[in-house]
N, C-alpha and C. Protein backbone atom coordinates (compact mmCIF):
# COMPACT_ATOMS: atom_id res chain seq x y z
N PHE A 1 -29.10 0.35 -3.83
CA PHE A 1 -30.52 0.50 -4.11
C PHE A 1 -31.03 -0.55 -5.10
N ALA A 2 -30.18 -1.43 -5.55
CA ALA A 2 -30.53 -2.36 -6.62
C ALA A 2 -31.75 -3.22 -6.32
N ASN A 3 -32.01 -3.55 -5.07
CA ASN A 3 -33.14 -4.41 -4.72
C ASN A 3 -34.38 -3.64 -4.27
N LEU A 4 -34.39 -2.35 -4.45
CA LEU A 4 -35.52 -1.52 -4.01
C LEU A 4 -36.30 -0.99 -5.22
N ASN A 5 -36.57 -1.86 -6.18
CA ASN A 5 -37.19 -1.42 -7.43
C ASN A 5 -38.62 -0.93 -7.30
N SER A 6 -39.28 -1.14 -6.17
CA SER A 6 -40.64 -0.61 -6.01
C SER A 6 -40.67 0.64 -5.12
N LEU A 7 -39.50 1.13 -4.72
CA LEU A 7 -39.43 2.34 -3.91
C LEU A 7 -39.98 3.52 -4.71
N ASP A 8 -40.87 4.30 -4.08
CA ASP A 8 -41.55 5.41 -4.74
C ASP A 8 -40.91 6.76 -4.44
N SER A 9 -40.40 6.93 -3.23
CA SER A 9 -39.88 8.22 -2.80
C SER A 9 -38.60 8.02 -2.00
N LEU A 10 -37.62 8.89 -2.24
CA LEU A 10 -36.34 8.79 -1.54
C LEU A 10 -35.88 10.18 -1.16
N SER A 11 -35.62 10.38 0.12
CA SER A 11 -35.10 11.65 0.61
C SER A 11 -33.72 11.42 1.20
N LEU A 12 -32.74 12.09 0.62
CA LEU A 12 -31.36 12.05 1.11
C LEU A 12 -30.90 13.46 1.46
N LEU A 13 -31.82 14.29 1.86
CA LEU A 13 -31.47 15.68 2.14
C LEU A 13 -30.59 15.79 3.37
N GLY A 14 -29.64 16.70 3.30
CA GLY A 14 -28.77 16.99 4.43
C GLY A 14 -27.77 15.91 4.77
N ASN A 15 -27.30 15.15 3.80
CA ASN A 15 -26.36 14.06 4.07
C ASN A 15 -24.93 14.35 3.62
N LYS A 16 -24.65 15.57 3.24
CA LYS A 16 -23.32 15.98 2.80
C LYS A 16 -22.83 15.21 1.57
N LEU A 17 -23.77 14.80 0.72
CA LEU A 17 -23.39 14.14 -0.53
C LEU A 17 -22.66 15.13 -1.41
N LYS A 18 -21.64 14.67 -2.14
CA LYS A 18 -20.85 15.56 -2.98
C LYS A 18 -20.96 15.22 -4.46
N ILE A 19 -21.11 13.94 -4.77
CA ILE A 19 -21.14 13.48 -6.15
C ILE A 19 -22.32 12.54 -6.35
N ILE A 20 -23.02 12.73 -7.47
CA ILE A 20 -24.04 11.77 -7.89
C ILE A 20 -23.42 10.99 -9.04
N LYS A 21 -23.07 9.75 -8.76
CA LYS A 21 -22.41 8.91 -9.76
C LYS A 21 -23.43 8.31 -10.72
N ALA A 22 -22.95 7.89 -11.87
CA ALA A 22 -23.82 7.35 -12.92
C ALA A 22 -24.65 6.17 -12.45
N ASP A 23 -24.13 5.38 -11.53
CA ASP A 23 -24.87 4.20 -11.05
C ASP A 23 -25.42 4.36 -9.64
N SER A 24 -25.43 5.57 -9.11
CA SER A 24 -25.88 5.80 -7.74
C SER A 24 -27.31 5.32 -7.47
N PHE A 25 -28.18 5.47 -8.45
CA PHE A 25 -29.59 5.14 -8.23
C PHE A 25 -30.06 3.98 -9.11
N PHE A 26 -29.12 3.14 -9.50
CA PHE A 26 -29.46 1.98 -10.33
C PHE A 26 -30.48 1.11 -9.61
N GLY A 27 -31.53 0.74 -10.33
CA GLY A 27 -32.57 -0.12 -9.77
C GLY A 27 -33.79 0.61 -9.25
N LEU A 28 -33.72 1.93 -9.17
CA LEU A 28 -34.85 2.72 -8.65
C LEU A 28 -35.73 3.22 -9.79
N ARG A 29 -36.16 2.34 -10.63
CA ARG A 29 -36.93 2.70 -11.83
C ARG A 29 -38.31 3.27 -11.53
N ASN A 30 -38.90 2.97 -10.39
CA ASN A 30 -40.25 3.43 -10.06
C ASN A 30 -40.26 4.67 -9.17
N LEU A 31 -39.11 5.25 -8.96
CA LEU A 31 -39.01 6.43 -8.10
C LEU A 31 -39.76 7.60 -8.71
N SER A 32 -40.63 8.22 -7.93
CA SER A 32 -41.35 9.40 -8.42
C SER A 32 -40.87 10.69 -7.75
N SER A 33 -40.20 10.56 -6.60
CA SER A 33 -39.72 11.74 -5.89
C SER A 33 -38.32 11.47 -5.35
N LEU A 34 -37.39 12.37 -5.70
CA LEU A 34 -36.01 12.25 -5.22
C LEU A 34 -35.59 13.61 -4.66
N LEU A 35 -35.34 13.64 -3.36
CA LEU A 35 -34.96 14.87 -2.68
C LEU A 35 -33.49 14.80 -2.30
N LEU A 36 -32.70 15.62 -2.95
CA LEU A 36 -31.26 15.68 -2.72
C LEU A 36 -30.82 17.06 -2.26
N ASN A 37 -31.76 17.82 -1.76
CA ASN A 37 -31.48 19.19 -1.34
C ASN A 37 -30.66 19.22 -0.04
N PHE A 38 -30.02 20.36 0.20
CA PHE A 38 -29.20 20.61 1.38
C PHE A 38 -28.07 19.58 1.53
N ASN A 39 -27.39 19.33 0.43
CA ASN A 39 -26.19 18.52 0.44
C ASN A 39 -25.04 19.39 -0.03
N GLU A 40 -23.97 18.79 -0.50
CA GLU A 40 -22.82 19.52 -1.01
C GLU A 40 -22.51 19.08 -2.43
N ILE A 41 -23.55 18.69 -3.16
CA ILE A 41 -23.39 18.15 -4.51
C ILE A 41 -22.81 19.21 -5.44
N ASP A 42 -21.70 18.85 -6.06
CA ASP A 42 -21.13 19.74 -7.07
C ASP A 42 -20.87 19.01 -8.38
N ILE A 43 -21.05 17.69 -8.39
CA ILE A 43 -20.88 16.92 -9.61
C ILE A 43 -22.05 15.94 -9.78
N ILE A 44 -22.66 15.97 -10.94
CA ILE A 44 -23.66 14.98 -11.33
C ILE A 44 -23.08 14.31 -12.57
N GLU A 45 -22.64 13.08 -12.41
CA GLU A 45 -22.02 12.39 -13.54
C GLU A 45 -23.00 12.20 -14.68
N LYS A 46 -22.47 12.22 -15.87
CA LYS A 46 -23.28 12.00 -17.07
C LYS A 46 -24.04 10.68 -16.93
N SER A 47 -25.28 10.69 -17.27
CA SER A 47 -26.18 9.52 -17.23
C SER A 47 -26.64 9.14 -15.82
N ALA A 48 -26.33 9.93 -14.82
CA ALA A 48 -26.77 9.60 -13.46
C ALA A 48 -28.28 9.62 -13.30
N LEU A 49 -28.96 10.37 -14.16
CA LEU A 49 -30.41 10.51 -14.05
C LEU A 49 -31.18 9.66 -15.05
N ARG A 50 -30.48 8.86 -15.83
CA ARG A 50 -31.10 8.13 -16.94
C ARG A 50 -32.10 7.06 -16.51
N HIS A 51 -32.04 6.60 -15.27
CA HIS A 51 -32.92 5.53 -14.80
C HIS A 51 -34.33 6.01 -14.45
N PHE A 52 -34.53 7.30 -14.35
CA PHE A 52 -35.77 7.84 -13.80
C PHE A 52 -36.84 8.08 -14.85
N THR A 53 -37.57 7.05 -15.21
CA THR A 53 -38.63 7.18 -16.20
C THR A 53 -39.95 7.63 -15.58
N HIS A 54 -40.11 7.49 -14.25
CA HIS A 54 -41.35 7.85 -13.58
C HIS A 54 -41.20 9.05 -12.65
N LEU A 55 -40.04 9.67 -12.66
CA LEU A 55 -39.76 10.76 -11.73
C LEU A 55 -40.68 11.96 -11.97
N LYS A 56 -41.26 12.47 -10.90
CA LYS A 56 -42.11 13.66 -10.96
C LYS A 56 -41.48 14.85 -10.24
N THR A 57 -40.64 14.58 -9.21
CA THR A 57 -40.01 15.64 -8.43
C THR A 57 -38.54 15.33 -8.23
N LEU A 58 -37.70 16.30 -8.58
CA LEU A 58 -36.26 16.20 -8.34
C LEU A 58 -35.82 17.51 -7.70
N ASP A 59 -35.41 17.43 -6.44
CA ASP A 59 -34.99 18.63 -5.71
C ASP A 59 -33.49 18.59 -5.49
N LEU A 60 -32.79 19.47 -6.17
CA LEU A 60 -31.34 19.62 -6.04
C LEU A 60 -30.98 20.98 -5.47
N SER A 61 -31.91 21.61 -4.79
CA SER A 61 -31.68 22.95 -4.25
C SER A 61 -30.67 22.92 -3.10
N ASN A 62 -30.06 24.06 -2.88
CA ASN A 62 -29.10 24.23 -1.78
C ASN A 62 -27.95 23.24 -1.84
N ASN A 63 -27.32 23.19 -3.00
CA ASN A 63 -26.13 22.39 -3.21
C ASN A 63 -25.03 23.29 -3.75
N ARG A 64 -24.05 22.73 -4.42
CA ARG A 64 -22.92 23.50 -4.95
C ARG A 64 -22.79 23.35 -6.45
N ILE A 65 -23.91 23.12 -7.12
CA ILE A 65 -23.92 22.95 -8.56
C ILE A 65 -23.70 24.32 -9.20
N ASN A 66 -22.70 24.43 -10.06
CA ASN A 66 -22.43 25.71 -10.72
C ASN A 66 -22.39 25.52 -12.22
N GLU A 67 -22.19 26.62 -12.95
CA GLU A 67 -22.24 26.56 -14.41
C GLU A 67 -21.12 25.69 -15.00
N ALA A 68 -20.04 25.50 -14.29
CA ALA A 68 -18.95 24.66 -14.79
C ALA A 68 -19.31 23.18 -14.78
N ASN A 69 -20.19 22.78 -13.85
CA ASN A 69 -20.55 21.37 -13.77
C ASN A 69 -22.04 21.11 -14.00
N PHE A 70 -22.75 22.12 -14.46
CA PHE A 70 -24.17 21.95 -14.80
C PHE A 70 -24.30 21.87 -16.31
N HIS A 71 -24.79 20.74 -16.78
CA HIS A 71 -24.96 20.53 -18.22
C HIS A 71 -26.42 20.16 -18.47
N VAL A 72 -27.14 21.06 -19.09
CA VAL A 72 -28.57 20.88 -19.28
C VAL A 72 -28.89 19.57 -20.00
N GLU A 73 -28.01 19.12 -20.87
CA GLU A 73 -28.27 17.86 -21.58
C GLU A 73 -28.32 16.65 -20.64
N ASP A 74 -27.74 16.76 -19.46
CA ASP A 74 -27.82 15.67 -18.48
C ASP A 74 -29.25 15.48 -17.98
N PHE A 75 -30.09 16.49 -18.16
CA PHE A 75 -31.46 16.43 -17.68
C PHE A 75 -32.46 16.07 -18.79
N TYR A 76 -31.98 15.92 -20.02
CA TYR A 76 -32.86 15.59 -21.14
C TYR A 76 -33.57 14.25 -20.96
N CYS A 77 -32.97 13.34 -20.24
CA CYS A 77 -33.55 12.01 -20.07
C CYS A 77 -34.77 12.02 -19.15
N LEU A 78 -34.99 13.12 -18.43
CA LEU A 78 -36.13 13.20 -17.51
C LEU A 78 -37.42 13.47 -18.26
N ASN A 79 -38.50 12.98 -17.70
CA ASN A 79 -39.83 13.23 -18.24
C ASN A 79 -40.08 14.74 -18.26
N GLU A 80 -40.74 15.24 -19.26
CA GLU A 80 -40.95 16.70 -19.36
C GLU A 80 -41.87 17.26 -18.29
N SER A 81 -42.56 16.41 -17.54
CA SER A 81 -43.43 16.90 -16.47
C SER A 81 -42.76 16.88 -15.10
N VAL A 82 -41.45 16.68 -15.06
CA VAL A 82 -40.71 16.66 -13.80
C VAL A 82 -40.60 18.07 -13.22
N SER A 83 -40.82 18.17 -11.92
CA SER A 83 -40.60 19.42 -11.21
C SER A 83 -39.14 19.40 -10.74
N LEU A 84 -38.33 20.28 -11.30
CA LEU A 84 -36.90 20.33 -11.01
C LEU A 84 -36.59 21.60 -10.23
N ASN A 85 -36.01 21.44 -9.04
CA ASN A 85 -35.66 22.59 -8.21
C ASN A 85 -34.15 22.68 -8.12
N LEU A 86 -33.59 23.76 -8.64
CA LEU A 86 -32.15 24.02 -8.60
C LEU A 86 -31.83 25.32 -7.86
N CYS A 87 -32.78 25.85 -7.12
CA CYS A 87 -32.54 27.14 -6.46
C CYS A 87 -31.44 27.03 -5.40
N ARG A 88 -30.83 28.16 -5.16
CA ARG A 88 -29.75 28.29 -4.19
C ARG A 88 -28.55 27.41 -4.50
N ASN A 89 -28.23 27.35 -5.78
CA ASN A 89 -26.99 26.78 -6.28
C ASN A 89 -26.24 27.93 -6.95
N PRO A 90 -24.93 27.90 -7.00
CA PRO A 90 -24.20 29.02 -7.60
C PRO A 90 -24.16 28.95 -9.14
N ILE A 91 -25.34 28.78 -9.75
CA ILE A 91 -25.45 28.79 -11.20
C ILE A 91 -25.75 30.22 -11.62
N SER A 92 -24.96 30.75 -12.54
CA SER A 92 -25.24 32.12 -12.97
C SER A 92 -25.65 32.15 -14.42
C-alpha cells in the first residue's frame, strides 16, 4: 500500500486475514475508512494502527479478537472521533 497515499477508503472484508502487522497499512495516511470485518483476525500487532491520523471508521467486527490479544492502548493512537466496531468478537 506504500504508493497509495491518497486512498480514502479500503475494504478488506471477508478475506480470511488473521494478523494485522505493524507495517500492514504503511503509506495509507489519508485513509478515512478501513473495513476489516468478517475476517479471522486474532492478532493486531502493536503500532499497527499508528499511521491512521485521518481515520473516521474502523470496522473489526466478526473476527477472532479476544481479551488475550485485545489491548486498549493499541487504539490510543486513533483520533477520538473514530467509529470503532468490535462487535461479534470473543471479547468478554
